[in-house]
Amino acid sequence: MFSARPTPDPLAPAGPLLRALPGLVRWPNLAIMLLSLVLVRGPLLQPGQPLWQTLLAPSFGLLVVAALLVAAAGYIINDYYDVKIDAINRPDRLIVGRLLRRRHAMLAHLVLNGIGVILATALSWRLGLVTLGAALLLWGYSARFKRVALVGNVSIATLTAALVLLPELQLLTGQKAVWLYALAAFLLTVVREIVKDIEDMRGDAQHDCHTLPLVWGVARSKWVSGGFLACLGVLVLGATYQLLIVGRWALGAWLLLLVLVPLAWLARLLWRADRRRHFRQLSTWCKGIMLAGVLSMLLA
């Protein structure tokens, strides 16, 4: 049986903790965030400018660091509040409370958030407010929102969309395409968050959470997730049709083959899913589709 509160070993060597830190801040997710910011800033918003100029722009570098620091802080505070739940759902990945003391995790959260907000504010008051709002929303999500049906799902989806919009809020180019990408990111993230809630039902149920599958049941939650998935499919289908009509074959074919077809397969898997491993597979499919969507910006 798992103890109610895992006790960290005060004599634990630093090596295991250092090896576990990339997992604590979810480095694959941070890598996708970095790629998204680069491709939004470069090919999407400044298609005529060499990518290396985008990467070397000091203001963009500060924006990237600020965004990634706040995101990393969000993952840390999420694990801080989820020690008991993660001991049931993901015992093999438990870091806070086992390798890292909870008070040290809270300190790291505050420091990373503080640096991120200061850097963003140095760029502009607008970016500072957005970054501060993201930091507060991540804290609210971890402390309360994620335990409320659909509120937590929409919160994370909103933050994902805001990440896509950050370069536009810095440059104010007026490009409409970035808003479509942000909407697509919002819809797909809602789908993935609901799927994750279904996957994590066992641990959530034991700690007084009121996530969508616990309140409405798995079947209804699948219908809600399917509704958001259908909206995303209509959005991508419409964009693909418009691109093919105007002769932008490369981007249209990419969206058709690497985004729209996988979305249809995802819907099929969602319909048939009835085991925890099925929903874990669905979550992985969502990540793959999101990566394909991000990479499509190279052709946008």
C-alpha atoms as a PDB file:
ATOM      1  CA  MET A   1       0.000   0.000   0.000  1.00  0.00           C
ATOM      2  CA  PHE A   2       1.089   3.585  -0.615  1.00  0.00           C
ATOM      3  CA  SER A   3       1.608   5.837   2.352  1.00  0.00           C
ATOM      4  CA  ALA A   4      -0.509   8.984   2.565  1.00  0.00           C
ATOM      5  CA  ARG A   5       2.538  11.215   2.382  1.00  0.00           C
ATOM      6  CA  PRO A   6       5.773   9.905   0.810  1.00  0.00           C
ATOM      7  CA  THR A   7       8.758  10.750   3.014  1.00  0.00           C
ATOM      8  CA  PRO A   8      11.858  12.015   1.246  1.00  0.00           C
ATOM      9  CA  ASP A   9      15.146  10.557   2.322  1.00  0.00           C
ATOM     10  CA  PRO A  10      17.278  13.409   3.767  1.00  0.00           C
ATOM     11  CA  LEU A  11      20.395  11.435   2.914  1.00  0.00           C
ATOM     12  CA  ALA A  12      19.380  10.664  -0.682  1.00  0.00           C
ATOM     13  CA  PRO A  13      22.255  11.377  -3.083  1.00  0.00           C
ATOM     14  CA  ALA A  14      21.986  14.325  -5.452  1.00  0.00           C
ATOM     15  CA  GLY A  15      22.560  12.111  -8.508  1.00  0.00           C
ATOM     16  CA  PRO A  16      19.058  10.562  -8.682  1.00  0.00           C
ATOM     17  CA  LEU A  17      17.481  13.983  -8.108  1.00  0.00           C
ATOM     18  CA  LEU A  18      19.504  15.600 -10.899  1.00  0.00           C
ATOM     19  CA  ARG A  19      18.568  12.785 -13.244  1.00  0.00           C
ATOM     20  CA  ALA A  20      14.915  13.178 -12.275  1.00  0.00           C
ATOM     21  CA  LEU A  21      14.743  16.975 -12.734  1.00  0.00           C
ATOM     22  CA  PRO A  22      14.152  16.866 -16.527  1.00  0.00           C
ATOM     23  CA  GLY A  23      11.162  14.639 -15.866  1.00  0.00           C
ATOM     24  CA  LEU A  24       9.924  16.983 -13.137  1.00  0.00           C
ATOM     25  CA  VAL A  25       9.742  19.925 -15.551  1.00  0.00           C
ATOM     26  CA  ARG A  26       8.510  17.688 -18.429  1.00  0.00           C
ATOM     27  CA  TRP A  27      11.358  18.451 -20.829  1.00  0.00           C
ATOM     28  CA  PRO A  28       9.610  16.894 -23.885  1.00  0.00           C
ATOM     29  CA  ASN A  29       6.680  19.271 -23.353  1.00  0.00           C
ATOM     30  CA  LEU A  30       9.069  22.215 -22.911  1.00  0.00           C
ATOM     31  CA  ALA A  31      10.801  21.200 -26.150  1.00  0.00           C
ATOM     32  CA  ILE A  32       7.475  21.272 -28.014  1.00  0.00           C
ATOM     33  CA  MET A  33       6.730  24.690 -26.483  1.00  0.00           C
ATOM     34  CA  LEU A  34      10.111  25.971 -27.662  1.00  0.00           C
ATOM     35  CA  LEU A  35       9.513  24.618 -31.153  1.00  0.00           C
ATOM     36  CA  SER A  36       6.056  26.204 -31.227  1.00  0.00           C
ATOM     37  CA  LEU A  37       7.375  29.621 -30.238  1.00  0.00           C
ATOM     38  CA  VAL A  38      10.165  29.455 -32.824  1.00  0.00           C
ATOM     39  CA  LEU A  39       7.860  28.420 -35.666  1.00  0.00           C
ATOM     40  CA  VAL A  40       5.163  30.946 -34.773  1.00  0.00           C
ATOM     41  CA  ARG A  41       7.695  33.766 -34.578  1.00  0.00           C
ATOM     42  CA  GLY A  42       9.559  32.705 -37.733  1.00  0.00           C
ATOM     43  CA  PRO A  43       7.684  30.975 -40.584  1.00  0.00           C
ATOM     44  CA  LEU A  44       4.205  32.028 -39.440  1.00  0.00           C
ATOM     45  CA  LEU A  45       4.647  35.688 -38.455  1.00  0.00           C
ATOM     46  CA  GLN A  46       7.864  36.638 -40.279  1.00  0.00           C
ATOM     47  CA  PRO A  47       8.052  34.327 -43.320  1.00  0.00           C
ATOM     48  CA  GLY A  48      10.450  36.559 -45.222  1.00  0.00           C
ATOM     49  CA  GLN A  49      13.035  36.703 -42.458  1.00  0.00           C
ATOM     50  CA  PRO A  50      15.756  34.034 -42.106  1.00  0.00           C
ATOM     51  CA  LEU A  51      15.057  31.728 -39.176  1.00  0.00           C
ATOM     52  CA  TRP A  52      18.492  32.334 -37.658  1.00  0.00           C
ATOM     53  CA  GLN A  53      17.664  36.028 -37.298  1.00  0.00           C
ATOM     54  CA  THR A  54      14.551  35.083 -35.352  1.00  0.00           C
ATOM     55  CA  LEU A  55      16.497  32.768 -33.068  1.00  0.00           C
ATOM     56  CA  LEU A  56      19.181  35.369 -32.359  1.00  0.00           C
ATOM     57  CA  ALA A  57      16.796  38.268 -31.645  1.00  0.00           C
ATOM     58  CA  PRO A  58      17.434  39.190 -27.965  1.00  0.00           C
ATOM     59  CA  SER A  59      13.813  40.167 -27.319  1.00  0.00           C
ATOM     60  CA  PHE A  60      12.557  36.834 -28.623  1.00  0.00           C
ATOM     61  CA  GLY A  61      15.142  34.967 -26.558  1.00  0.00           C
ATOM     62  CA  LEU A  62      13.912  36.679 -23.395  1.00  0.00           C
ATOM     63  CA  LEU A  63      10.318  35.836 -24.303  1.00  0.00           C
ATOM     64  CA  VAL A  64      11.197  32.164 -24.785  1.00  0.00           C
ATOM     65  CA  VAL A  65      13.075  31.976 -21.477  1.00  0.00           C
ATOM     66  CA  ALA A  66      10.205  33.691 -19.635  1.00  0.00           C
ATOM     67  CA  ALA A  67       7.586  31.352 -21.119  1.00  0.00           C
ATOM     68  CA  LEU A  68       9.580  28.183 -20.434  1.00  0.00           C
ATOM     69  CA  LEU A  69      10.402  29.217 -16.854  1.00  0.00           C
ATOM     70  CA  VAL A  70       6.732  29.818 -16.055  1.00  0.00           C
ATOM     71  CA  ALA A  71       5.784  26.519 -17.705  1.00  0.00           C
ATOM     72  CA  ALA A  72       8.444  24.633 -15.722  1.00  0.00           C
ATOM     73  CA  ALA A  73       7.203  26.299 -12.528  1.00  0.00           C
ATOM     74  CA  GLY A  74       3.685  25.157 -13.410  1.00  0.00           C
ATOM     75  CA  TYR A  75       4.776  21.535 -13.711  1.00  0.00           C
ATOM     76  CA  ILE A  76       6.559  21.735 -10.362  1.00  0.00           C
ATOM     77  CA  ILE A  77       3.567  23.204  -8.496  1.00  0.00           C
ATOM     78  CA  ASN A  78       1.312  20.631 -10.128  1.00  0.00           C
ATOM     79  CA  ASP A  79       3.460  17.810  -8.732  1.00  0.00           C
ATOM     80  CA  TYR A  80       3.595  19.622  -5.363  1.00  0.00           C
ATOM     81  CA  TYR A  81      -0.185  19.426  -4.987  1.00  0.00           C
ATOM     82  CA  ASP A  82      -0.476  15.969  -6.550  1.00  0.00           C
ATOM     83  CA  VAL A  83       1.912  14.008  -4.331  1.00  0.00           C
ATOM     84  CA  LYS A  84      -0.797  11.700  -2.982  1.00  0.00           C
ATOM     85  CA  ILE A  85      -2.591  11.285  -6.306  1.00  0.00           C
ATOM     86  CA  ASP A  86       0.636  10.596  -8.224  1.00  0.00           C
ATOM     87  CA  ALA A  87       1.596   7.994  -5.619  1.00  0.00           C
ATOM     88  CA  ILE A  88      -1.390   6.013  -6.959  1.00  0.00           C
ATOM     89  CA  ASN A  89      -1.523   6.997 -10.642  1.00  0.00           C
ATOM     90  CA  ARG A  90       2.205   7.306 -11.427  1.00  0.00           C
ATOM     91  CA  PRO A  91       4.301   5.915  -8.541  1.00  0.00           C
ATOM     92  CA  ASP A  92       7.287   5.301 -10.810  1.00  0.00           C
ATOM     93  CA  ARG A  93       7.450   8.995 -11.750  1.00  0.00           C
ATOM     94  CA  LEU A  94       6.994  10.452  -8.268  1.00  0.00           C
ATOM     95  CA  ILE A  95       9.703  13.058  -7.571  1.00  0.00           C
ATOM     96  CA  VAL A  96       8.272  15.703  -5.222  1.00  0.00           C
ATOM     97  CA  GLY A  97       8.027  14.208  -1.757  1.00  0.00           C
ATOM     98  CA  ARG A  98      10.412  11.376  -2.644  1.00  0.00           C
ATOM     99  CA  LEU A  99      13.561  12.894  -4.165  1.00  0.00           C
ATOM    100  CA  LEU A 100      12.698  16.555  -3.676  1.00  0.00           C
ATOM    101  CA  ARG A 101      11.313  18.006  -0.466  1.00  0.00           C
ATOM    102  CA  ARG A 102       7.959  19.748  -0.916  1.00  0.00           C
ATOM    103  CA  ARG A 103       9.193  23.055   0.526  1.00  0.00           C
ATOM    104  CA  HIS A 104      12.093  23.049  -1.932  1.00  0.00           C
ATOM    105  CA  ALA A 105       9.641  22.403  -4.754  1.00  0.00           C
ATOM    106  CA  MET A 106       7.546  25.387  -3.643  1.00  0.00           C
ATOM    107  CA  LEU A 107      10.652  27.575  -3.486  1.00  0.00           C
ATOM    108  CA  ALA A 108      11.682  26.525  -6.998  1.00  0.00           C
ATOM    109  CA  HIS A 109       8.157  27.305  -8.216  1.00  0.00           C
ATOM    110  CA  LEU A 110       8.245  30.821  -6.777  1.00  0.00           C
ATOM    111  CA  VAL A 111      11.748  31.593  -8.059  1.00  0.00           C
ATOM    112  CA  LEU A 112      11.088  30.380 -11.603  1.00  0.00           C
ATOM    113  CA  ASN A 113       7.788  32.249 -11.772  1.00  0.00           C
ATOM    114  CA  GLY A 114       9.354  35.421 -10.426  1.00  0.00           C
ATOM    115  CA  ILE A 115      12.175  35.405 -12.963  1.00  0.00           C
ATOM    116  CA  GLY A 116       9.781  34.580 -15.811  1.00  0.00           C
ATOM    117  CA  VAL A 117       7.356  37.397 -14.995  1.00  0.00           C
ATOM    118  CA  ILE A 118      10.184  39.925 -14.538  1.00  0.00           C
ATOM    119  CA  LEU A 119      11.719  39.030 -17.914  1.00  0.00           C
ATOM    120  CA  ALA A 120       8.364  39.272 -19.689  1.00  0.00           C
ATOM    121  CA  THR A 121       7.548  42.602 -18.040  1.00  0.00           C
ATOM    122  CA  ALA A 122      10.928  43.955 -19.153  1.00  0.00           C
ATOM    123  CA  LEU A 123       9.812  43.304 -22.737  1.00  0.00           C
ATOM    124  CA  SER A 124       6.393  44.962 -22.413  1.00  0.00           C
ATOM    125  CA  TRP A 125       3.628  45.469 -19.880  1.00  0.00           C
ATOM    126  CA  ARG A 126       1.327  43.411 -22.109  1.00  0.00           C
ATOM    127  CA  LEU A 127       3.591  40.375 -22.036  1.00  0.00           C
ATOM    128  CA  GLY A 128       4.154  40.862 -18.332  1.00  0.00           C
ATOM    129  CA  LEU A 129       0.421  40.756 -17.613  1.00  0.00           C
ATOM    130  CA  VAL A 130      -0.082  37.672 -19.797  1.00  0.00           C
ATOM    131  CA  THR A 131       2.826  35.862 -18.135  1.00  0.00           C
ATOM    132  CA  LEU A 132       1.647  36.800 -14.648  1.00  0.00           C
ATOM    133  CA  GLY A 133      -1.861  35.646 -15.534  1.00  0.00           C
ATOM    134  CA  ALA A 134      -0.458  32.349 -16.823  1.00  0.00           C
ATOM    135  CA  ALA A 135       1.527  31.820 -13.614  1.00  0.00           C
ATOM    136  CA  LEU A 136      -1.546  32.501 -11.458  1.00  0.00           C
ATOM    137  CA  LEU A 137      -3.748  30.274 -13.615  1.00  0.00           C
ATOM    138  CA  LEU A 138      -1.224  27.431 -13.373  1.00  0.00           C
ATOM    139  CA  TRP A 139      -1.221  27.773  -9.600  1.00  0.00           C
ATOM    140  CA  GLY A 140      -5.023  27.872  -9.515  1.00  0.00           C
ATOM    141  CA  TYR A 141      -5.192  24.843 -11.768  1.00  0.00           C
ATOM    142  CA  SER A 142      -2.874  22.822  -9.549  1.00  0.00           C
ATOM    143  CA  ALA A 143      -4.479  23.894  -6.279  1.00  0.00           C
ATOM    144  CA  ARG A 144      -8.149  23.746  -7.258  1.00  0.00           C
ATOM    145  CA  PHE A 145      -9.293  23.988 -10.879  1.00  0.00           C
ATOM    146  CA  LYS A 146      -8.054  20.567 -12.022  1.00  0.00           C
ATOM    147  CA  ARG A 147     -10.356  18.957  -9.471  1.00  0.00           C
ATOM    148  CA  VAL A 148     -13.454  20.668 -10.909  1.00  0.00           C
ATOM    149  CA  ALA A 149     -15.217  19.117 -13.918  1.00  0.00           C
ATOM    150  CA  LEU A 150     -14.128  20.737 -17.207  1.00  0.00           C
ATOM    151  CA  VAL A 151     -12.749  23.880 -15.486  1.00  0.00           C
ATOM    152  CA  GLY A 152      -9.242  22.456 -15.256  1.00  0.00           C
ATOM    153  CA  ASN A 153      -9.388  21.125 -18.805  1.00  0.00           C
ATOM    154  CA  VAL A 154     -10.362  24.533 -20.211  1.00  0.00           C
ATOM    155  CA  SER A 155      -7.743  26.272 -18.048  1.00  0.00           C
ATOM    156  CA  ILE A 156      -4.864  24.257 -19.508  1.00  0.00           C
ATOM    157  CA  ALA A 157      -6.280  24.615 -23.023  1.00  0.00           C
ATOM    158  CA  THR A 158      -6.421  28.390 -22.579  1.00  0.00           C
ATOM    159  CA  LEU A 159      -2.790  28.451 -21.481  1.00  0.00           C
ATOM    160  CA  THR A 160      -1.793  26.370 -24.519  1.00  0.00           C
ATOM    161  CA  ALA A 161      -3.543  28.817 -26.836  1.00  0.00           C
ATOM    162  CA  ALA A 162      -1.904  31.746 -25.036  1.00  0.00           C
ATOM    163  CA  LEU A 163       1.529  30.217 -25.653  1.00  0.00           C
ATOM    164  CA  VAL A 164       0.845  30.165 -29.401  1.00  0.00           C
ATOM    165  CA  LEU A 165      -0.250  33.804 -29.261  1.00  0.00           C
ATOM    166  CA  LEU A 166       2.766  35.100 -27.280  1.00  0.00           C
ATOM    167  CA  PRO A 167       4.922  35.979 -30.341  1.00  0.00           C
ATOM    168  CA  GLU A 168       1.959  37.771 -31.930  1.00  0.00           C
ATOM    169  CA  LEU A 169       1.369  39.738 -28.731  1.00  0.00           C
ATOM    170  CA  GLN A 170       5.010  40.801 -28.916  1.00  0.00           C
ATOM    171  CA  LEU A 171       5.093  41.747 -32.618  1.00  0.00           C
ATOM    172  CA  LEU A 172       1.420  42.701 -33.244  1.00  0.00           C
ATOM    173  CA  THR A 173       1.598  41.694 -36.922  1.00  0.00           C
ATOM    174  CA  GLY A 174      -2.158  41.225 -37.350  1.00  0.00           C
ATOM    175  CA  GLN A 175      -1.737  37.755 -38.900  1.00  0.00           C
ATOM    176  CA  LYS A 176      -5.027  35.844 -38.733  1.00  0.00           C
ATOM    177  CA  ALA A 177      -3.428  32.414 -39.149  1.00  0.00           C
ATOM    178  CA  VAL A 178      -1.890  32.510 -35.679  1.00  0.00           C
ATOM    179  CA  TRP A 179      -5.365  32.803 -34.141  1.00  0.00           C
ATOM    180  CA  LEU A 180      -6.515  29.712 -36.055  1.00  0.00           C
ATOM    181  CA  TYR A 181      -3.520  27.768 -34.764  1.00  0.00           C
ATOM    182  CA  ALA A 182      -4.282  28.968 -31.243  1.00  0.00           C
ATOM    183  CA  LEU A 183      -7.898  27.823 -31.546  1.00  0.00           C
ATOM    184  CA  ALA A 184      -6.794  24.434 -32.859  1.00  0.00           C
ATOM    185  CA  ALA A 185      -4.341  24.088 -29.952  1.00  0.00           C
ATOM    186  CA  PHE A 186      -7.138  24.967 -27.519  1.00  0.00           C
ATOM    187  CA  LEU A 187      -9.532  22.341 -28.901  1.00  0.00           C
ATOM    188  CA  LEU A 188      -6.967  19.542 -29.081  1.00  0.00           C
ATOM    189  CA  THR A 189      -5.710  20.297 -25.570  1.00  0.00           C
ATOM    190  CA  VAL A 190      -9.237  20.052 -24.142  1.00  0.00           C
ATOM    191  CA  VAL A 191      -9.563  16.633 -25.776  1.00  0.00           C
ATOM    192  CA  ARG A 192      -6.248  15.448 -24.346  1.00  0.00           C
ATOM    193  CA  GLU A 193      -6.979  16.781 -20.850  1.00  0.00           C
ATOM    194  CA  ILE A 194     -10.322  14.959 -20.696  1.00  0.00           C
ATOM    195  CA  VAL A 195      -8.629  11.773 -21.885  1.00  0.00           C
ATOM    196  CA  LYS A 196      -5.993  12.173 -19.160  1.00  0.00           C
ATOM    197  CA  ASP A 197      -8.725  12.642 -16.545  1.00  0.00           C
ATOM    198  CA  ILE A 198     -10.291   9.349 -17.617  1.00  0.00           C
ATOM    199  CA  GLU A 199      -6.890   7.668 -17.434  1.00  0.00           C
ATOM    200  CA  ASP A 200      -6.290   9.036 -13.907  1.00  0.00           C
ATOM    201  CA  MET A 201      -9.726   8.280 -12.466  1.00  0.00           C
ATOM    202  CA  ARG A 202      -8.470   5.776  -9.895  1.00  0.00           C
ATOM    203  CA  GLY A 203      -6.173   8.187  -8.076  1.00  0.00           C
ATOM    204  CA  ASP A 204      -8.511  11.174  -8.506  1.00  0.00           C
ATOM    205  CA  ALA A 205     -11.454   9.277  -7.013  1.00  0.00           C
ATOM    206  CA  GLN A 206      -9.528   8.541  -3.819  1.00  0.00           C
ATOM    207  CA  HIS A 207      -8.697  12.201  -3.191  1.00  0.00           C
ATOM    208  CA  ASP A 208     -12.041  13.955  -3.532  1.00  0.00           C
ATOM    209  CA  CYS A 209     -11.551  15.198  -7.093  1.00  0.00           C
ATOM    210  CA  HIS A 210     -14.580  16.061  -9.205  1.00  0.00           C
ATOM    211  CA  THR A 211     -13.167  15.678 -12.695  1.00  0.00           C
ATOM    212  CA  LEU A 212     -15.494  15.205 -15.664  1.00  0.00           C
ATOM    213  CA  PRO A 213     -15.388  11.364 -15.780  1.00  0.00           C
ATOM    214  CA  LEU A 214     -16.002  11.150 -12.028  1.00  0.00           C
ATOM    215  CA  VAL A 215     -18.980  13.523 -12.221  1.00  0.00           C
ATOM    216  CA  TRP A 216     -20.527  12.515 -15.554  1.00  0.00           C
ATOM    217  CA  GLY A 217     -19.054   9.083 -16.092  1.00  0.00           C
ATOM    218  CA  VAL A 218     -16.701   7.767 -18.743  1.00  0.00           C
ATOM    219  CA  ALA A 219     -19.296   7.425 -21.499  1.00  0.00           C
ATOM    220  CA  ARG A 220     -20.511  11.029 -21.252  1.00  0.00           C
ATOM    221  CA  SER A 221     -16.961  12.310 -20.909  1.00  0.00           C
ATOM    222  CA  LYS A 222     -16.086  10.551 -24.154  1.00  0.00           C
ATOM    223  CA  TRP A 223     -19.006  12.314 -25.834  1.00  0.00           C
ATOM    224  CA  VAL A 224     -17.823  15.706 -24.537  1.00  0.00           C
ATOM    225  CA  SER A 225     -14.294  14.979 -25.715  1.00  0.00           C
ATOM    226  CA  GLY A 226     -15.698  13.839 -29.044  1.00  0.00           C
ATOM    227  CA  GLY A 227     -17.595  17.114 -29.383  1.00  0.00           C
ATOM    228  CA  PHE A 228     -14.408  19.155 -29.044  1.00  0.00           C
ATOM    229  CA  LEU A 229     -12.685  16.730 -31.412  1.00  0.00           C
ATOM    230  CA  ALA A 230     -15.455  17.232 -33.990  1.00  0.00           C
ATOM    231  CA  CYS A 231     -15.072  21.026 -33.756  1.00  0.00           C
ATOM    232  CA  LEU A 232     -11.347  20.633 -34.342  1.00  0.00           C
ATOM    233  CA  GLY A 233     -11.989  18.358 -37.315  1.00  0.00           C
ATOM    234  CA  VAL A 234     -14.325  20.917 -38.889  1.00  0.00           C
ATOM    235  CA  LEU A 235     -11.728  23.663 -38.345  1.00  0.00           C
ATOM    236  CA  VAL A 236      -8.914  21.656 -39.943  1.00  0.00           C
ATOM    237  CA  LEU A 237     -11.156  20.446 -42.769  1.00  0.00           C
ATOM    238  CA  GLY A 238     -12.200  24.005 -43.583  1.00  0.00           C
ATOM    239  CA  ALA A 239      -8.616  25.242 -43.525  1.00  0.00           C
ATOM    240  CA  THR A 240      -7.458  22.347 -45.691  1.00  0.00           C
ATOM    241  CA  TYR A 241     -10.216  22.983 -48.239  1.00  0.00           C
ATOM    242  CA  GLN A 242      -9.373  26.690 -48.470  1.00  0.00           C
ATOM    243  CA  LEU A 243      -5.671  25.938 -48.932  1.00  0.00           C
ATOM    244  CA  LEU A 244      -6.308  23.443 -51.708  1.00  0.00           C
ATOM    245  CA  ILE A 245      -8.702  25.853 -53.448  1.00  0.00           C
ATOM    246  CA  VAL A 246      -6.048  28.597 -53.605  1.00  0.00           C
ATOM    247  CA  GLY A 247      -3.378  26.148 -54.774  1.00  0.00           C
ATOM    248  CA  ARG A 248      -1.319  25.831 -51.591  1.00  0.00           C
ATOM    249  CA  TRP A 249      -0.876  22.121 -52.159  1.00  0.00           C
ATOM    250  CA  ALA A 250       2.009  21.443 -49.782  1.00  0.00           C
ATOM    251  CA  LEU A 251       0.358  22.814 -46.641  1.00  0.00           C
ATOM    252  CA  GLY A 252      -3.049  21.467 -47.660  1.00  0.00           C
ATOM    253  CA  ALA A 253      -1.662  17.968 -48.191  1.00  0.00           C
ATOM    254  CA  TRP A 254       0.224  18.132 -44.873  1.00  0.00           C
ATOM    255  CA  LEU A 255      -2.943  19.048 -42.946  1.00  0.00           C
ATOM    256  CA  LEU A 256      -4.953  16.409 -44.777  1.00  0.00           C
ATOM    257  CA  LEU A 257      -2.544  13.498 -44.338  1.00  0.00           C
ATOM    258  CA  LEU A 258      -0.795  14.293 -41.056  1.00  0.00           C
ATOM    259  CA  VAL A 259      -3.498  16.106 -39.103  1.00  0.00           C
ATOM    260  CA  LEU A 260      -6.981  15.387 -40.479  1.00  0.00           C
ATOM    261  CA  VAL A 261      -6.534  11.645 -41.095  1.00  0.00           C
ATOM    262  CA  PRO A 262      -4.950  11.088 -37.644  1.00  0.00           C
ATOM    263  CA  LEU A 263      -7.824  13.080 -36.113  1.00  0.00           C
ATOM    264  CA  ALA A 264     -10.299  10.691 -37.747  1.00  0.00           C
ATOM    265  CA  TRP A 265      -8.325   7.716 -36.408  1.00  0.00           C
ATOM    266  CA  LEU A 266      -8.211   9.370 -32.973  1.00  0.00           C
ATOM    267  CA  ALA A 267     -12.003   9.647 -33.036  1.00  0.00           C
ATOM    268  CA  ARG A 268     -12.239   5.924 -33.844  1.00  0.00           C
ATOM    269  CA  LEU A 269      -9.901   5.032 -30.988  1.00  0.00           C
ATOM    270  CA  LEU A 270     -11.843   7.280 -28.610  1.00  0.00           C
ATOM    271  CA  TRP A 271     -15.099   5.571 -29.542  1.00  0.00           C
ATOM    272  CA  ARG A 272     -13.649   2.105 -28.861  1.00  0.00           C
ATOM    273  CA  ALA A 273     -11.582   2.977 -25.752  1.00  0.00           C
ATOM    274  CA  ASP A 274     -12.647   1.266 -22.520  1.00  0.00           C
ATOM    275  CA  ARG A 275      -9.361   0.470 -20.738  1.00  0.00           C
ATOM    276  CA  ARG A 276      -6.815   2.674 -18.994  1.00  0.00           C
ATOM    277  CA  ARG A 277      -4.121   1.709 -21.487  1.00  0.00           C
ATOM    278  CA  HIS A 278      -6.444   2.779 -24.318  1.00  0.00           C
ATOM    279  CA  PHE A 279      -6.713   6.281 -22.897  1.00  0.00           C
ATOM    280  CA  ARG A 280      -2.953   6.435 -22.375  1.00  0.00           C
ATOM    281  CA  GLN A 281      -2.622   5.606 -26.074  1.00  0.00           C
ATOM    282  CA  LEU A 282      -5.129   8.344 -26.944  1.00  0.00           C
ATOM    283  CA  SER A 283      -3.066  10.877 -25.001  1.00  0.00           C
ATOM    284  CA  THR A 284       0.010   9.910 -27.014  1.00  0.00           C
ATOM    285  CA  TRP A 285      -1.945  10.285 -30.268  1.00  0.00           C
ATOM    286  CA  CYS A 286      -2.994  13.792 -29.209  1.00  0.00           C
ATOM    287  CA  LYS A 287       0.654  14.723 -28.652  1.00  0.00           C
ATOM    288  CA  GLY A 288       1.609  13.393 -32.075  1.00  0.00           C
ATOM    289  CA  ILE A 289      -1.167  15.333 -33.809  1.00  0.00           C
ATOM    290  CA  MET A 290      -0.196  18.487 -31.963  1.00  0.00           C
ATOM    291  CA  LEU A 291       3.414  18.061 -33.084  1.00  0.00           C
ATOM    292  CA  ALA A 292       2.259  17.593 -36.692  1.00  0.00           C
ATOM    293  CA  GLY A 293       0.203  20.766 -36.404  1.00  0.00           C
ATOM    294  CA  VAL A 294       3.154  22.706 -35.037  1.00  0.00           C
ATOM    295  CA  LEU A 295       5.456  21.481 -37.814  1.00  0.00           C
ATOM    296  CA  SER A 296       2.898  22.532 -40.436  1.00  0.00           C
ATOM    297  CA  MET A 297       3.895  26.114 -39.654  1.00  0.00           C
ATOM    298  CA  LEU A 298       7.056  25.464 -41.667  1.00  0.00           C
ATOM    299  CA  LEU A 299       4.810  25.494 -44.755  1.00  0.00           C
ATOM    300  CA  ALA A 300       2.379  28.172 -43.588  1.00  0.00           C
END
